[in-house]
Amino acid sequence: MATLIVSYPATESARFDREYYTGKHMDIAREAWTSFGLEATEVLFPADAVQPLAGMVILRFADQASIDAALSGPAAAVVVGDVPNFTDIVPVIFRAGD
């Protein structure tokens, strides 16, 4: 299994719509990437306002090749294109090994 972590660094003026993220964006990501080997997702939000992130998601894929396929396919444009609907934060992407 391979992991892709997408985090959203918190700033004082940043906008992050948690309801949209969990209610719509994650559905878009799952629909777009399940066929590429996305097996599970976990969304995390900070426990308090003194955290460095506004939120993050852990995406579990079958392997690194599945992540490569998901990120390079046309479905990635749909997922990335939805980001402005819930935030103005530039996401940070981290890949964890198998």
N, C-alpha and C. Protein backbone atom coordinates (compact mmCIF):
# COMPACT_ATOMS: atom_id res chain seq x y z
N MET A 1 0.84 -1.18 0.00
CA MET A 1 0.00 0.00 0.00
C MET A 1 0.89 1.24 0.00
N ALA A 2 0.46 2.27 -0.71
CA ALA A 2 1.18 3.53 -0.77
C ALA A 2 0.24 4.65 -0.31
N THR A 3 0.84 5.68 0.25
CA THR A 3 0.05 6.75 0.84
C THR A 3 0.39 8.09 0.23
N LEU A 4 -0.65 8.85 -0.07
CA LEU A 4 -0.52 10.22 -0.54
C LEU A 4 -1.19 11.10 0.51
N ILE A 5 -0.45 12.07 1.02
CA ILE A 5 -0.99 12.98 2.03
C ILE A 5 -1.05 14.37 1.44
N VAL A 6 -2.22 14.97 1.50
CA VAL A 6 -2.41 16.34 1.01
C VAL A 6 -2.76 17.19 2.22
N SER A 7 -1.92 18.20 2.49
CA SER A 7 -2.16 19.07 3.64
C SER A 7 -2.33 20.51 3.18
N TYR A 8 -3.00 21.26 4.03
CA TYR A 8 -3.33 22.65 3.74
C TYR A 8 -2.79 23.51 4.87
N PRO A 9 -1.62 24.15 4.67
CA PRO A 9 -1.03 24.97 5.73
C PRO A 9 -1.95 26.11 6.16
N ALA A 10 -2.08 26.27 7.45
CA ALA A 10 -2.95 27.32 8.00
C ALA A 10 -2.24 28.67 7.97
N THR A 11 -2.98 29.68 7.58
CA THR A 11 -2.51 31.06 7.69
C THR A 11 -3.67 31.86 8.26
N GLU A 12 -3.36 33.01 8.77
CA GLU A 12 -4.38 33.82 9.43
C GLU A 12 -5.54 34.19 8.52
N SER A 13 -5.26 34.45 7.27
CA SER A 13 -6.32 34.91 6.36
C SER A 13 -6.84 33.81 5.43
N ALA A 14 -6.40 32.58 5.62
CA ALA A 14 -6.79 31.50 4.72
C ALA A 14 -8.27 31.14 4.86
N ARG A 15 -8.84 30.74 3.73
CA ARG A 15 -10.22 30.27 3.69
C ARG A 15 -10.19 28.75 3.48
N PHE A 16 -10.92 28.01 4.31
CA PHE A 16 -11.03 26.56 4.16
C PHE A 16 -12.42 26.14 4.60
N ASP A 17 -13.23 25.70 3.67
CA ASP A 17 -14.61 25.30 3.92
C ASP A 17 -14.65 23.80 4.23
N ARG A 18 -14.68 23.46 5.51
CA ARG A 18 -14.67 22.05 5.93
C ARG A 18 -15.89 21.29 5.41
N GLU A 19 -17.04 21.92 5.46
CA GLU A 19 -18.26 21.23 5.02
C GLU A 19 -18.20 20.86 3.54
N TYR A 20 -17.73 21.79 2.72
CA TYR A 20 -17.60 21.49 1.29
C TYR A 20 -16.56 20.39 1.08
N TYR A 21 -15.45 20.50 1.80
CA TYR A 21 -14.36 19.52 1.64
C TYR A 21 -14.85 18.11 1.94
N THR A 22 -15.52 17.94 3.08
CA THR A 22 -15.97 16.59 3.45
C THR A 22 -17.23 16.18 2.71
N GLY A 23 -18.09 17.13 2.38
CA GLY A 23 -19.36 16.82 1.76
C GLY A 23 -19.33 16.67 0.26
N LYS A 24 -18.39 17.34 -0.41
CA LYS A 24 -18.35 17.30 -1.87
C LYS A 24 -16.99 16.92 -2.43
N HIS A 25 -15.94 17.63 -1.98
CA HIS A 25 -14.63 17.42 -2.60
C HIS A 25 -14.14 15.99 -2.44
N MET A 26 -14.31 15.42 -1.26
CA MET A 26 -13.83 14.06 -1.07
C MET A 26 -14.61 13.07 -1.93
N ASP A 27 -15.88 13.32 -2.16
CA ASP A 27 -16.65 12.47 -3.08
C ASP A 27 -16.08 12.56 -4.50
N ILE A 28 -15.72 13.77 -4.91
CA ILE A 28 -15.12 13.98 -6.23
C ILE A 28 -13.81 13.20 -6.34
N ALA A 29 -12.97 13.29 -5.32
CA ALA A 29 -11.68 12.59 -5.33
C ALA A 29 -11.89 11.07 -5.37
N ARG A 30 -12.80 10.57 -4.55
CA ARG A 30 -13.04 9.12 -4.55
C ARG A 30 -13.58 8.64 -5.90
N GLU A 31 -14.51 9.40 -6.46
CA GLU A 31 -15.07 9.02 -7.76
C GLU A 31 -14.00 9.04 -8.85
N ALA A 32 -13.13 10.03 -8.79
CA ALA A 32 -12.09 10.18 -9.81
C ALA A 32 -11.00 9.13 -9.69
N TRP A 33 -10.65 8.73 -8.48
CA TRP A 33 -9.45 7.91 -8.29
C TRP A 33 -9.66 6.48 -7.83
N THR A 34 -10.87 6.07 -7.53
CA THR A 34 -11.09 4.68 -7.12
C THR A 34 -10.65 3.71 -8.22
N SER A 35 -10.94 4.05 -9.45
CA SER A 35 -10.55 3.16 -10.56
C SER A 35 -9.04 3.11 -10.75
N PHE A 36 -8.31 4.05 -10.14
CA PHE A 36 -6.85 4.06 -10.21
C PHE A 36 -6.20 3.40 -8.99
N GLY A 37 -6.99 2.78 -8.14
CA GLY A 37 -6.42 2.08 -7.00
C GLY A 37 -6.56 2.78 -5.66
N LEU A 38 -7.35 3.85 -5.60
CA LEU A 38 -7.61 4.48 -4.30
C LEU A 38 -8.44 3.52 -3.46
N GLU A 39 -7.93 3.19 -2.28
CA GLU A 39 -8.59 2.19 -1.43
C GLU A 39 -9.25 2.79 -0.20
N ALA A 40 -8.70 3.90 0.32
CA ALA A 40 -9.26 4.49 1.55
C ALA A 40 -8.84 5.94 1.66
N THR A 41 -9.66 6.71 2.38
CA THR A 41 -9.34 8.10 2.66
C THR A 41 -9.62 8.40 4.13
N GLU A 42 -8.85 9.33 4.67
CA GLU A 42 -9.09 9.79 6.03
C GLU A 42 -8.82 11.29 6.09
N VAL A 43 -9.83 12.05 6.45
CA VAL A 43 -9.71 13.50 6.56
C VAL A 43 -9.46 13.86 8.02
N LEU A 44 -8.52 14.75 8.26
CA LEU A 44 -8.19 15.20 9.61
C LEU A 44 -8.22 16.71 9.68
N PHE A 45 -8.80 17.22 10.76
CA PHE A 45 -8.82 18.65 11.02
C PHE A 45 -8.15 18.92 12.36
N PRO A 46 -7.59 20.13 12.54
CA PRO A 46 -6.89 20.43 13.79
C PRO A 46 -7.83 20.43 15.00
N ALA A 47 -7.26 20.05 16.13
CA ALA A 47 -8.02 20.02 17.38
C ALA A 47 -8.25 21.42 17.93
N ASP A 48 -7.39 22.37 17.56
CA ASP A 48 -7.54 23.75 18.01
C ASP A 48 -6.93 24.68 16.98
N ALA A 49 -7.03 25.96 17.21
CA ALA A 49 -6.56 26.96 16.24
C ALA A 49 -5.05 27.17 16.24
N VAL A 50 -4.35 26.49 17.10
CA VAL A 50 -2.90 26.70 17.21
C VAL A 50 -2.13 25.62 16.43
N GLN A 51 -2.74 25.04 15.45
CA GLN A 51 -2.11 23.98 14.66
C GLN A 51 -1.56 24.57 13.35
N PRO A 52 -0.55 23.92 12.77
CA PRO A 52 0.04 24.45 11.53
C PRO A 52 -0.76 24.16 10.27
N LEU A 53 -1.78 23.30 10.37
CA LEU A 53 -2.56 22.93 9.19
C LEU A 53 -4.04 23.25 9.39
N ALA A 54 -4.68 23.67 8.29
CA ALA A 54 -6.13 23.87 8.31
C ALA A 54 -6.84 22.53 8.16
N GLY A 55 -6.16 21.57 7.56
CA GLY A 55 -6.70 20.23 7.37
C GLY A 55 -5.76 19.40 6.54
N MET A 56 -6.04 18.12 6.50
CA MET A 56 -5.25 17.21 5.67
C MET A 56 -6.06 15.98 5.35
N VAL A 57 -5.65 15.30 4.29
CA VAL A 57 -6.29 14.04 3.92
C VAL A 57 -5.20 13.01 3.67
N ILE A 58 -5.46 11.81 4.12
CA ILE A 58 -4.57 10.67 3.87
C ILE A 58 -5.30 9.79 2.86
N LEU A 59 -4.66 9.60 1.72
CA LEU A 59 -5.25 8.78 0.65
C LEU A 59 -4.41 7.52 0.50
N ARG A 60 -5.03 6.37 0.66
CA ARG A 60 -4.33 5.08 0.57
C ARG A 60 -4.62 4.46 -0.79
N PHE A 61 -3.53 4.20 -1.52
CA PHE A 61 -3.61 3.58 -2.84
C PHE A 61 -2.97 2.20 -2.80
N ALA A 62 -3.26 1.40 -3.80
CA ALA A 62 -2.72 0.06 -3.89
C ALA A 62 -1.19 0.07 -3.89
N ASP A 63 -0.60 1.01 -4.64
CA ASP A 63 0.86 1.10 -4.75
C ASP A 63 1.23 2.46 -5.36
N GLN A 64 2.54 2.72 -5.47
CA GLN A 64 2.99 4.00 -6.02
C GLN A 64 2.57 4.18 -7.48
N ALA A 65 2.53 3.08 -8.24
CA ALA A 65 2.10 3.17 -9.64
C ALA A 65 0.64 3.65 -9.72
N SER A 66 -0.17 3.27 -8.75
CA SER A 66 -1.56 3.73 -8.72
C SER A 66 -1.64 5.23 -8.47
N ILE A 67 -0.78 5.72 -7.58
CA ILE A 67 -0.73 7.17 -7.33
C ILE A 67 -0.29 7.90 -8.59
N ASP A 68 0.75 7.38 -9.24
CA ASP A 68 1.23 7.99 -10.49
C ASP A 68 0.12 8.06 -11.52
N ALA A 69 -0.63 6.98 -11.68
CA ALA A 69 -1.71 6.94 -12.67
C ALA A 69 -2.82 7.93 -12.30
N ALA A 70 -3.16 7.99 -11.03
CA ALA A 70 -4.22 8.91 -10.59
C ALA A 70 -3.83 10.36 -10.83
N LEU A 71 -2.59 10.70 -10.50
CA LEU A 71 -2.14 12.09 -10.61
C LEU A 71 -1.84 12.52 -12.04
N SER A 72 -1.59 11.58 -12.92
CA SER A 72 -1.26 11.95 -14.30
C SER A 72 -2.44 11.82 -15.26
N GLY A 73 -3.52 11.23 -14.81
CA GLY A 73 -4.68 11.05 -15.67
C GLY A 73 -5.57 12.28 -15.72
N PRO A 74 -6.53 12.28 -16.61
CA PRO A 74 -7.44 13.43 -16.75
C PRO A 74 -8.31 13.67 -15.52
N ALA A 75 -8.53 12.64 -14.72
CA ALA A 75 -9.34 12.81 -13.51
C ALA A 75 -8.65 13.73 -12.50
N ALA A 76 -7.33 13.81 -12.54
CA ALA A 76 -6.61 14.69 -11.63
C ALA A 76 -7.00 16.15 -11.86
N ALA A 77 -7.24 16.52 -13.10
CA ALA A 77 -7.64 17.90 -13.41
C ALA A 77 -8.99 18.23 -12.78
N VAL A 78 -9.86 17.25 -12.70
CA VAL A 78 -11.17 17.46 -12.07
C VAL A 78 -11.00 17.69 -10.57
N VAL A 79 -10.19 16.86 -9.94
CA VAL A 79 -9.96 16.99 -8.49
C VAL A 79 -9.27 18.31 -8.17
N VAL A 80 -8.20 18.60 -8.87
CA VAL A 80 -7.45 19.85 -8.63
C VAL A 80 -8.31 21.06 -8.99
N GLY A 81 -9.10 20.96 -10.03
CA GLY A 81 -9.95 22.07 -10.44
C GLY A 81 -11.02 22.42 -9.43
N ASP A 82 -11.32 21.50 -8.52
CA ASP A 82 -12.33 21.74 -7.50
C ASP A 82 -11.76 22.45 -6.27
N VAL A 83 -10.46 22.49 -6.13
CA VAL A 83 -9.82 23.08 -4.94
C VAL A 83 -10.29 24.51 -4.65
N PRO A 84 -10.38 25.41 -5.63
CA PRO A 84 -10.84 26.77 -5.33
C PRO A 84 -12.25 26.86 -4.75
N ASN A 85 -13.02 25.79 -4.87
CA ASN A 85 -14.36 25.79 -4.30
C ASN A 85 -14.38 25.69 -2.78
N PHE A 86 -13.26 25.26 -2.18
CA PHE A 86 -13.25 25.15 -0.72
C PHE A 86 -12.09 25.86 -0.04
N THR A 87 -11.05 26.26 -0.79
CA THR A 87 -9.93 26.93 -0.15
C THR A 87 -9.15 27.81 -1.11
N ASP A 88 -8.41 28.74 -0.51
CA ASP A 88 -7.45 29.54 -1.27
C ASP A 88 -6.02 29.16 -0.88
N ILE A 89 -5.88 28.09 -0.12
CA ILE A 89 -4.57 27.59 0.32
C ILE A 89 -3.98 26.70 -0.77
N VAL A 90 -2.69 26.87 -1.03
CA VAL A 90 -1.99 25.98 -1.96
C VAL A 90 -1.65 24.70 -1.20
N PRO A 91 -2.16 23.55 -1.63
CA PRO A 91 -1.90 22.32 -0.88
C PRO A 91 -0.46 21.84 -1.00
N VAL A 92 -0.03 21.13 0.02
CA VAL A 92 1.29 20.50 0.04
C VAL A 92 1.06 19.01 -0.09
N ILE A 93 1.75 18.37 -1.03
CA ILE A 93 1.55 16.96 -1.29
C ILE A 93 2.80 16.18 -0.84
N PHE A 94 2.56 15.11 -0.10
CA PHE A 94 3.63 14.26 0.43
C PHE A 94 3.29 12.81 0.09
N ARG A 95 4.29 12.10 -0.45
CA ARG A 95 4.12 10.68 -0.72
C ARG A 95 4.89 9.87 0.32
N ALA A 96 4.22 8.92 0.89
CA ALA A 96 4.88 7.99 1.81
C ALA A 96 5.11 6.70 1.05
N GLY A 97 6.16 5.99 1.38
CA GLY A 97 6.52 4.77 0.68
C GLY A 97 5.59 3.62 0.96
N ASP A 98 5.79 2.57 0.20
CA ASP A 98 5.00 1.33 0.35
C ASP A 98 5.25 0.71 1.70
